[in-house]
Amino acid sequence: WNDKEPIAHHLQRNIQKWNIDGVGAFMLHGRSRLQRYSRSANWDYITEVGCSQSSEFNNIPLIGNGDIFSYSDYEEKILK
């Protein structure tokens, strides 16, 4: 994964298609391992991944994380 060619939105759709029994959620951090703490978490991409699920398959809840330091941060991100 790199910030120029993220793949989580493809991976999430594949996991939906595979219909793996017992998958309870898809967790996504808004930064790559290589970025470490040099940038803020990309919540626009987390939102894009959440909206990219196929309506043909069961919806898998998305848990996004990164740079949530307070309840107001949480509220801001959950309303996106």
Protein backbone atom coordinates (compact mmCIF):
# COMPACT_ATOMS: atom_id res chain seq x y z
CA TRP A 1 0.00 0.00 0.00
CA ASN A 2 1.23 3.45 -0.79
CA ASP A 3 -0.52 6.79 -0.77
CA LYS A 4 -0.41 7.08 -4.57
CA GLU A 5 -2.13 3.75 -5.25
CA PRO A 6 -4.26 2.69 -2.28
CA ILE A 7 -5.96 -0.70 -2.58
CA ALA A 8 -8.31 -0.94 0.40
CA HIS A 9 -11.40 -0.13 -1.69
CA HIS A 10 -10.58 -3.07 -4.02
CA LEU A 11 -9.81 -5.36 -1.11
CA GLN A 12 -13.07 -4.56 0.64
CA ARG A 13 -15.13 -5.39 -2.47
CA ASN A 14 -13.24 -8.68 -2.89
CA ILE A 15 -13.88 -9.62 0.72
CA GLN A 16 -17.58 -8.94 0.12
CA LYS A 17 -17.57 -11.18 -2.96
CA TRP A 18 -15.79 -14.00 -1.15
CA ASN A 19 -18.60 -14.03 1.44
CA ILE A 20 -16.31 -15.40 4.13
CA ASP A 21 -18.36 -16.66 7.05
CA GLY A 22 -17.61 -14.88 10.31
CA VAL A 23 -16.22 -11.61 8.94
CA GLY A 24 -17.67 -9.08 11.35
CA ALA A 25 -16.06 -5.85 10.15
CA PHE A 26 -13.39 -4.32 7.96
CA MET A 27 -10.88 -2.11 9.84
CA LEU A 28 -8.95 0.57 7.99
CA HIS A 29 -6.32 2.95 9.28
CA GLY A 30 -6.10 6.24 7.43
CA ARG A 31 -2.33 6.11 7.00
CA SER A 32 0.07 3.59 5.56
CA ARG A 33 2.79 1.95 7.60
CA LEU A 34 5.37 3.91 5.62
CA GLN A 35 3.74 7.25 6.41
CA ARG A 36 3.90 6.63 10.14
CA TYR A 37 3.00 9.90 11.85
CA SER A 38 4.30 12.20 9.12
CA ARG A 39 0.76 12.96 7.86
CA SER A 40 -2.74 13.07 9.22
CA ALA A 41 -5.00 10.07 8.68
CA ASN A 42 -6.83 10.27 5.35
CA TRP A 43 -10.47 10.23 6.40
CA ASP A 44 -11.61 11.11 2.87
CA TYR A 45 -10.20 7.77 1.72
CA ILE A 46 -11.77 5.93 4.64
CA THR A 47 -15.11 7.46 3.60
CA GLU A 48 -14.47 6.46 -0.04
CA VAL A 49 -13.80 2.86 1.02
CA GLY A 50 -16.99 2.83 3.10
CA CYS A 51 -19.02 4.05 0.14
CA SER A 52 -17.41 1.66 -2.35
CA GLN A 53 -19.09 -1.50 -1.10
CA SER A 54 -21.16 -3.33 -3.66
CA SER A 55 -24.90 -3.45 -3.08
CA GLU A 56 -24.89 -6.94 -4.66
CA PHE A 57 -23.38 -8.47 -1.52
CA ASN A 58 -23.85 -8.28 2.24
CA ASN A 59 -22.61 -5.03 3.72
CA ILE A 60 -19.53 -5.35 5.96
CA PRO A 61 -19.26 -2.64 8.63
CA LEU A 62 -16.20 -0.43 8.23
CA ILE A 63 -14.23 0.69 11.27
CA GLY A 64 -11.98 3.61 10.39
CA ASN A 65 -9.23 4.80 12.69
CA GLY A 66 -6.43 7.29 12.93
CA ASP A 67 -6.11 10.68 14.60
CA ILE A 68 -9.13 10.32 16.89
CA PHE A 69 -8.15 12.03 20.12
CA SER A 70 -11.50 13.10 21.55
CA TYR A 71 -15.21 12.50 21.35
CA SER A 72 -15.60 15.57 19.15
CA ASP A 73 -13.03 14.08 16.72
CA TYR A 74 -15.11 10.90 16.65
CA GLU A 75 -18.33 12.81 15.99
CA GLU A 76 -16.70 14.78 13.18
CA LYS A 77 -15.52 11.62 11.44
CA ILE A 78 -18.69 9.58 11.95
CA LEU A 79 -20.80 12.31 10.32
CA LYS A 80 -18.74 12.20 7.09
